[in-house]
Each structure stands twice: as C-alpha cells, then as structure tokens.
Amino acid sequence: MEMYTLDTAMIRLKEIAEELENGDHDLEMAMKLYEEGVRIISFCNKALSGAKQKITEISQYEEEDLENE
C-alpha cells in the first residue's frame, strides 16, 4: 500500500468515491477501487485512534502538572 498522510488518504478516498459513483469501470476495476477504499478507511481509523490516544495522554500529563502545582 502506498504511504499516506491522513490528508492524502482522505483526498484519495474522495477520488475513489467519485470514480465509483461515475460507474465508468467494469466490475473488476470497481472491486479493486472498493478494496483500496477499505484499506484507506482502515488506515484513517488507525491514524485517528492514534491521535486520540496521544491527545488523551497529553491531557493526562497536563492534569498531573496542574495537580502538582
């Protein structure tokens, strides 16, 4: 799979959705696009989960710092 940032993954996902909506592809190509879209969605979910975890950790550190002041 290509290397994506969250921004580039979202752009590619939008492109895939537009291509599938056009309906100009045969079934085989449509399935490949769909499969790529599913992989990108999985990547995005993992990236967002990681960001959420990091924010939670940072928030906990900030709360601990405020309690120790």
PDB file of N, CA and C in Angstrom:
ATOM      1  N   MET A   1       0.833  -1.181   0.000  1.00  0.00           N
ATOM      2  CA  MET A   1       0.000   0.000   0.000  1.00  0.00           C
ATOM      3  C   MET A   1       0.876   1.241   0.000  1.00  0.00           C
ATOM      4  N   GLU A   2       0.411   2.242  -0.680  1.00  0.00           N
ATOM      5  CA  GLU A   2       1.157   3.491  -0.719  1.00  0.00           C
ATOM      6  C   GLU A   2       1.237   4.095   0.676  1.00  0.00           C
ATOM      7  N   MET A   3       2.214   4.953   0.861  1.00  0.00           N
ATOM      8  CA  MET A   3       2.329   5.672   2.122  1.00  0.00           C
ATOM      9  C   MET A   3       1.436   6.905   2.049  1.00  0.00           C
ATOM     10  N   TYR A   4       0.583   7.051   3.028  1.00  0.00           N
ATOM     11  CA  TYR A   4      -0.338   8.171   3.074  1.00  0.00           C
ATOM     12  C   TYR A   4      -0.138   8.976   4.345  1.00  0.00           C
ATOM     13  N   THR A   5      -0.466  10.244   4.260  1.00  0.00           N
ATOM     14  CA  THR A   5      -0.739  11.016   5.462  1.00  0.00           C
ATOM     15  C   THR A   5      -2.256  10.984   5.585  1.00  0.00           C
ATOM     16  N   LEU A   6      -2.778  11.434   6.690  1.00  0.00           N
ATOM     17  CA  LEU A   6      -4.223  11.442   6.839  1.00  0.00           C
ATOM     18  C   LEU A   6      -4.860  12.318   5.762  1.00  0.00           C
ATOM     19  N   ASP A   7      -4.248  13.458   5.477  1.00  0.00           N
ATOM     20  CA  ASP A   7      -4.790  14.358   4.455  1.00  0.00           C
ATOM     21  C   ASP A   7      -4.787  13.712   3.065  1.00  0.00           C
ATOM     22  N   THR A   8      -3.678  13.101   2.683  1.00  0.00           N
ATOM     23  CA  THR A   8      -3.620  12.487   1.354  1.00  0.00           C
ATOM     24  C   THR A   8      -4.541  11.272   1.265  1.00  0.00           C
ATOM     25  N   ALA A   9      -4.698  10.561   2.376  1.00  0.00           N
ATOM     26  CA  ALA A   9      -5.607   9.415   2.392  1.00  0.00           C
ATOM     27  C   ALA A   9      -7.048   9.874   2.179  1.00  0.00           C
ATOM     28  N   MET A  10      -7.425  10.970   2.820  1.00  0.00           N
ATOM     29  CA  MET A  10      -8.783  11.484   2.661  1.00  0.00           C
ATOM     30  C   MET A  10      -9.026  11.962   1.230  1.00  0.00           C
ATOM     31  N   ILE A  11      -8.021  12.585   0.639  1.00  0.00           N
ATOM     32  CA  ILE A  11      -8.134  13.031  -0.750  1.00  0.00           C
ATOM     33  C   ILE A  11      -8.322  11.827  -1.668  1.00  0.00           C
ATOM     34  N   ARG A  12      -7.506  10.799  -1.466  1.00  0.00           N
ATOM     35  CA  ARG A  12      -7.610   9.594  -2.314  1.00  0.00           C
ATOM     36  C   ARG A  12      -8.953   8.904  -2.116  1.00  0.00           C
ATOM     37  N   LEU A  13      -9.428   8.879  -0.894  1.00  0.00           N
ATOM     38  CA  LEU A  13     -10.715   8.257  -0.615  1.00  0.00           C
ATOM     39  C   LEU A  13     -11.838   8.996  -1.355  1.00  0.00           C
ATOM     40  N   LYS A  14     -11.758  10.307  -1.390  1.00  0.00           N
ATOM     41  CA  LYS A  14     -12.751  11.097  -2.122  1.00  0.00           C
ATOM     42  C   LYS A  14     -12.676  10.790  -3.623  1.00  0.00           C
ATOM     43  N   GLU A  15     -11.455  10.667  -4.136  1.00  0.00           N
ATOM     44  CA  GLU A  15     -11.278  10.328  -5.553  1.00  0.00           C
ATOM     45  C   GLU A  15     -11.901   8.975  -5.872  1.00  0.00           C
ATOM     46  N   ILE A  16     -11.668   8.007  -5.006  1.00  0.00           N
ATOM     47  CA  ILE A  16     -12.213   6.665  -5.211  1.00  0.00           C
ATOM     48  C   ILE A  16     -13.737   6.710  -5.210  1.00  0.00           C
ATOM     49  N   ALA A  17     -14.302   7.436  -4.254  1.00  0.00           N
ATOM     50  CA  ALA A  17     -15.761   7.539  -4.182  1.00  0.00           C
ATOM     51  C   ALA A  17     -16.319   8.149  -5.465  1.00  0.00           C
ATOM     52  N   GLU A  18     -15.672   9.183  -5.961  1.00  0.00           N
ATOM     53  CA  GLU A  18     -16.125   9.828  -7.198  1.00  0.00           C
ATOM     54  C   GLU A  18     -16.019   8.876  -8.386  1.00  0.00           C
ATOM     55  N   GLU A  19     -14.918   8.120  -8.451  1.00  0.00           N
ATOM     56  CA  GLU A  19     -14.750   7.164  -9.546  1.00  0.00           C
ATOM     57  C   GLU A  19     -15.839   6.086  -9.504  1.00  0.00           C
ATOM     58  N   LEU A  20     -16.130   5.598  -8.303  1.00  0.00           N
ATOM     59  CA  LEU A  20     -17.154   4.561  -8.178  1.00  0.00           C
ATOM     60  C   LEU A  20     -18.547   5.111  -8.496  1.00  0.00           C
ATOM     61  N   GLU A  21     -18.789   6.349  -8.121  1.00  0.00           N
ATOM     62  CA  GLU A  21     -20.079   6.966  -8.409  1.00  0.00           C
ATOM     63  C   GLU A  21     -20.286   7.165  -9.909  1.00  0.00           C
ATOM     64  N   ASN A  22     -19.204   7.436 -10.638  1.00  0.00           N
ATOM     65  CA  ASN A  22     -19.308   7.611 -12.087  1.00  0.00           C
ATOM     66  C   ASN A  22     -19.780   6.340 -12.778  1.00  0.00           C
ATOM     67  N   GLY A  23     -19.393   5.204 -12.250  1.00  0.00           N
ATOM     68  CA  GLY A  23     -19.812   3.934 -12.811  1.00  0.00           C
ATOM     69  C   GLY A  23     -19.188   3.610 -14.156  1.00  0.00           C
ATOM     70  N   ASP A  24     -18.056   4.238 -14.464  1.00  0.00           N
ATOM     71  CA  ASP A  24     -17.401   4.025 -15.756  1.00  0.00           C
ATOM     72  C   ASP A  24     -16.489   2.798 -15.768  1.00  0.00           C
ATOM     73  N   HIS A  25     -16.383   2.103 -14.648  1.00  0.00           N
ATOM     74  CA  HIS A  25     -15.455   0.978 -14.553  1.00  0.00           C
ATOM     75  C   HIS A  25     -16.196  -0.345 -14.630  1.00  0.00           C
ATOM     76  N   ASP A  26     -15.488  -1.353 -15.140  1.00  0.00           N
ATOM     77  CA  ASP A  26     -16.067  -2.690 -15.110  1.00  0.00           C
ATOM     78  C   ASP A  26     -16.033  -3.212 -13.674  1.00  0.00           C
ATOM     79  N   LEU A  27     -16.670  -4.319 -13.438  1.00  0.00           N
ATOM     80  CA  LEU A  27     -16.805  -4.870 -12.090  1.00  0.00           C
ATOM     81  C   LEU A  27     -15.452  -5.125 -11.441  1.00  0.00           C
ATOM     82  N   GLU A  28     -14.506  -5.665 -12.192  1.00  0.00           N
ATOM     83  CA  GLU A  28     -13.191  -5.974 -11.642  1.00  0.00           C
ATOM     84  C   GLU A  28     -12.488  -4.720 -11.132  1.00  0.00           C
ATOM     85  N   MET A  29     -12.510  -3.650 -11.931  1.00  0.00           N
ATOM     86  CA  MET A  29     -11.868  -2.402 -11.521  1.00  0.00           C
ATOM     87  C   MET A  29     -12.611  -1.761 -10.351  1.00  0.00           C
ATOM     88  N   ALA A  30     -13.932  -1.837 -10.380  1.00  0.00           N
ATOM     89  CA  ALA A  30     -14.730  -1.296  -9.281  1.00  0.00           C
ATOM     90  C   ALA A  30     -14.392  -2.009  -7.973  1.00  0.00           C
ATOM     91  N   MET A  31     -14.202  -3.315  -8.041  1.00  0.00           N
ATOM     92  CA  MET A  31     -13.840  -4.082  -6.839  1.00  0.00           C
ATOM     93  C   MET A  31     -12.461  -3.683  -6.332  1.00  0.00           C
ATOM     94  N   LYS A  32     -11.521  -3.452  -7.241  1.00  0.00           N
ATOM     95  CA  LYS A  32     -10.180  -3.021  -6.843  1.00  0.00           C
ATOM     96  C   LYS A  32     -10.236  -1.656  -6.167  1.00  0.00           C
ATOM     97  N   LEU A  33     -11.019  -0.753  -6.727  1.00  0.00           N
ATOM     98  CA  LEU A  33     -11.167   0.568  -6.121  1.00  0.00           C
ATOM     99  C   LEU A  33     -11.814   0.467  -4.746  1.00  0.00           C
ATOM    100  N   TYR A  34     -12.850  -0.354  -4.661  1.00  0.00           N
ATOM    101  CA  TYR A  34     -13.530  -0.557  -3.382  1.00  0.00           C
ATOM    102  C   TYR A  34     -12.559  -1.108  -2.340  1.00  0.00           C
ATOM    103  N   GLU A  35     -11.778  -2.097  -2.738  1.00  0.00           N
ATOM    104  CA  GLU A  35     -10.797  -2.705  -1.832  1.00  0.00           C
ATOM    105  C   GLU A  35      -9.772  -1.668  -1.364  1.00  0.00           C
ATOM    106  N   GLU A  36      -9.298  -0.836  -2.287  1.00  0.00           N
ATOM    107  CA  GLU A  36      -8.358   0.221  -1.918  1.00  0.00           C
ATOM    108  C   GLU A  36      -9.022   1.181  -0.926  1.00  0.00           C
ATOM    109  N   GLY A  37     -10.272   1.510  -1.174  1.00  0.00           N
ATOM    110  CA  GLY A  37     -11.003   2.391  -0.268  1.00  0.00           C
ATOM    111  C   GLY A  37     -11.112   1.814   1.131  1.00  0.00           C
ATOM    112  N   VAL A  38     -11.384   0.533   1.221  1.00  0.00           N
ATOM    113  CA  VAL A  38     -11.486  -0.133   2.527  1.00  0.00           C
ATOM    114  C   VAL A  38     -10.143  -0.079   3.258  1.00  0.00           C
ATOM    115  N   ARG A  39      -9.048  -0.301   2.533  1.00  0.00           N
ATOM    116  CA  ARG A  39      -7.715  -0.227   3.154  1.00  0.00           C
ATOM    117  C   ARG A  39      -7.432   1.193   3.646  1.00  0.00           C
ATOM    118  N   ILE A  40      -7.820   2.185   2.860  1.00  0.00           N
ATOM    119  CA  ILE A  40      -7.584   3.570   3.259  1.00  0.00           C
ATOM    120  C   ILE A  40      -8.422   3.929   4.481  1.00  0.00           C
ATOM    121  N   ILE A  41      -9.665   3.469   4.511  1.00  0.00           N
ATOM    122  CA  ILE A  41     -10.516   3.721   5.682  1.00  0.00           C
ATOM    123  C   ILE A  41      -9.890   3.109   6.926  1.00  0.00           C
ATOM    124  N   SER A  42      -9.361   1.906   6.798  1.00  0.00           N
ATOM    125  CA  SER A  42      -8.693   1.257   7.928  1.00  0.00           C
ATOM    126  C   SER A  42      -7.488   2.083   8.387  1.00  0.00           C
ATOM    127  N   PHE A  43      -6.687   2.566   7.432  1.00  0.00           N
ATOM    128  CA  PHE A  43      -5.550   3.416   7.757  1.00  0.00           C
ATOM    129  C   PHE A  43      -6.016   4.666   8.502  1.00  0.00           C
ATOM    130  N   CYS A  44      -7.066   5.315   7.995  1.00  0.00           N
ATOM    131  CA  CYS A  44      -7.574   6.545   8.615  1.00  0.00           C
ATOM    132  C   CYS A  44      -8.066   6.277  10.035  1.00  0.00           C
ATOM    133  N   ASN A  45      -8.781   5.173  10.214  1.00  0.00           N
ATOM    134  CA  ASN A  45      -9.264   4.828  11.556  1.00  0.00           C
ATOM    135  C   ASN A  45      -8.115   4.626  12.528  1.00  0.00           C
ATOM    136  N   LYS A  46      -7.064   3.955  12.082  1.00  0.00           N
ATOM    137  CA  LYS A  46      -5.902   3.737  12.946  1.00  0.00           C
ATOM    138  C   LYS A  46      -5.206   5.060  13.257  1.00  0.00           C
ATOM    139  N   ALA A  47      -5.074   5.911  12.247  1.00  0.00           N
ATOM    140  CA  ALA A  47      -4.427   7.210  12.453  1.00  0.00           C
ATOM    141  C   ALA A  47      -5.220   8.064  13.434  1.00  0.00           C
ATOM    142  N   LEU A  48      -6.527   8.072  13.283  1.00  0.00           N
ATOM    143  CA  LEU A  48      -7.371   8.859  14.186  1.00  0.00           C
ATOM    144  C   LEU A  48      -7.372   8.290  15.599  1.00  0.00           C
ATOM    145  N   SER A  49      -7.360   6.970  15.722  1.00  0.00           N
ATOM    146  CA  SER A  49      -7.285   6.347  17.043  1.00  0.00           C
ATOM    147  C   SER A  49      -5.967   6.691  17.729  1.00  0.00           C
ATOM    148  N   GLY A  50      -4.885   6.676  16.951  1.00  0.00           N
ATOM    149  CA  GLY A  50      -3.581   7.042  17.497  1.00  0.00           C
ATOM    150  C   GLY A  50      -3.547   8.489  17.955  1.00  0.00           C
ATOM    151  N   ALA A  51      -4.143   9.365  17.167  1.00  0.00           N
ATOM    152  CA  ALA A  51      -4.185  10.786  17.534  1.00  0.00           C
ATOM    153  C   ALA A  51      -5.023  10.976  18.798  1.00  0.00           C
ATOM    154  N   LYS A  52      -6.137  10.281  18.878  1.00  0.00           N
ATOM    155  CA  LYS A  52      -6.997  10.377  20.061  1.00  0.00           C
ATOM    156  C   LYS A  52      -6.248   9.902  21.302  1.00  0.00           C
ATOM    157  N   GLN A  53      -5.517   8.801  21.171  1.00  0.00           N
ATOM    158  CA  GLN A  53      -4.740   8.268  22.295  1.00  0.00           C
ATOM    159  C   GLN A  53      -3.677   9.266  22.728  1.00  0.00           C
ATOM    160  N   LYS A  54      -3.009   9.871  21.764  1.00  0.00           N
ATOM    161  CA  LYS A  54      -1.966  10.841  22.077  1.00  0.00           C
ATOM    162  C   LYS A  54      -2.555  12.060  22.797  1.00  0.00           C
ATOM    163  N   ILE A  55      -3.707  12.528  22.335  1.00  0.00           N
ATOM    164  CA  ILE A  55      -4.367  13.666  22.982  1.00  0.00           C
ATOM    165  C   ILE A  55      -4.757  13.310  24.409  1.00  0.00           C
ATOM    166  N   THR A  56      -5.258  12.098  24.604  1.00  0.00           N
ATOM    167  CA  THR A  56      -5.618  11.642  25.946  1.00  0.00           C
ATOM    168  C   THR A  56      -4.400  11.624  26.853  1.00  0.00           C
ATOM    169  N   GLU A  57      -3.282  11.112  26.355  1.00  0.00           N
ATOM    170  CA  GLU A  57      -2.055  11.068  27.149  1.00  0.00           C
ATOM    171  C   GLU A  57      -1.563  12.470  27.495  1.00  0.00           C
ATOM    172  N   ILE A  58      -1.584  13.369  26.527  1.00  0.00           N
ATOM    173  CA  ILE A  58      -1.139  14.744  26.765  1.00  0.00           C
ATOM    174  C   ILE A  58      -2.040  15.408  27.795  1.00  0.00           C
ATOM    175  N   SER A  59      -3.330  15.183  27.671  1.00  0.00           N
ATOM    176  CA  SER A  59      -4.281  15.766  28.623  1.00  0.00           C
ATOM    177  C   SER A  59      -4.017  15.260  30.030  1.00  0.00           C
ATOM    178  N   GLN A  60      -3.688  13.989  30.167  1.00  0.00           N
ATOM    179  CA  GLN A  60      -3.394  13.424  31.483  1.00  0.00           C
ATOM    180  C   GLN A  60      -2.139  14.052  32.071  1.00  0.00           C
ATOM    181  N   TYR A  61      -1.117  14.260  31.242  1.00  0.00           N
ATOM    182  CA  TYR A  61       0.104  14.897  31.716  1.00  0.00           C
ATOM    183  C   TYR A  61      -0.185  16.316  32.186  1.00  0.00           C
ATOM    184  N   GLU A  62      -1.008  17.038  31.432  1.00  0.00           N
ATOM    185  CA  GLU A  62      -1.346  18.404  31.798  1.00  0.00           C
ATOM    186  C   GLU A  62      -2.122  18.434  33.101  1.00  0.00           C
ATOM    187  N   GLU A  63      -3.041  17.491  33.284  1.00  0.00           N
ATOM    188  CA  GLU A  63      -3.812  17.429  34.539  1.00  0.00           C
ATOM    189  C   GLU A  63      -2.894  17.114  35.710  1.00  0.00           C
ATOM    190  N   GLU A  64      -1.938  16.211  35.531  1.00  0.00           N
ATOM    191  CA  GLU A  64      -0.989  15.884  36.589  1.00  0.00           C
ATOM    192  C   GLU A  64      -0.131  17.087  36.935  1.00  0.00           C
ATOM    193  N   ASP A  65       0.309  17.824  35.923  1.00  0.00           N
ATOM    194  CA  ASP A  65       1.110  19.017  36.158  1.00  0.00           C
ATOM    195  C   ASP A  65       0.320  20.057  36.954  1.00  0.00           C
ATOM    196  N   LEU A  66      -0.943  20.231  36.611  1.00  0.00           N
ATOM    197  CA  LEU A  66      -1.774  21.209  37.331  1.00  0.00           C
ATOM    198  C   LEU A  66      -2.007  20.773  38.772  1.00  0.00           C
ATOM    199  N   GLU A  67      -2.152  19.482  39.008  1.00  0.00           N
ATOM    200  CA  GLU A  67      -2.354  18.981  40.363  1.00  0.00           C
ATOM    201  C   GLU A  67      -1.089  19.144  41.202  1.00  0.00           C
ATOM    202  N   ASN A  68       0.086  19.082  40.574  1.00  0.00           N
ATOM    203  CA  ASN A  68       1.351  19.170  41.301  1.00  0.00           C
ATOM    204  C   ASN A  68       1.793  20.608  41.555  1.00  0.00           C
ATOM    205  N   GLU A  69       1.082  21.571  41.022  1.00  0.00           N
ATOM    206  CA  GLU A  69       1.486  22.973  41.230  1.00  0.00           C
ATOM    207  C   GLU A  69       1.070  23.474  42.570  1.00  0.00           C
TER     208      GLU A  69
END
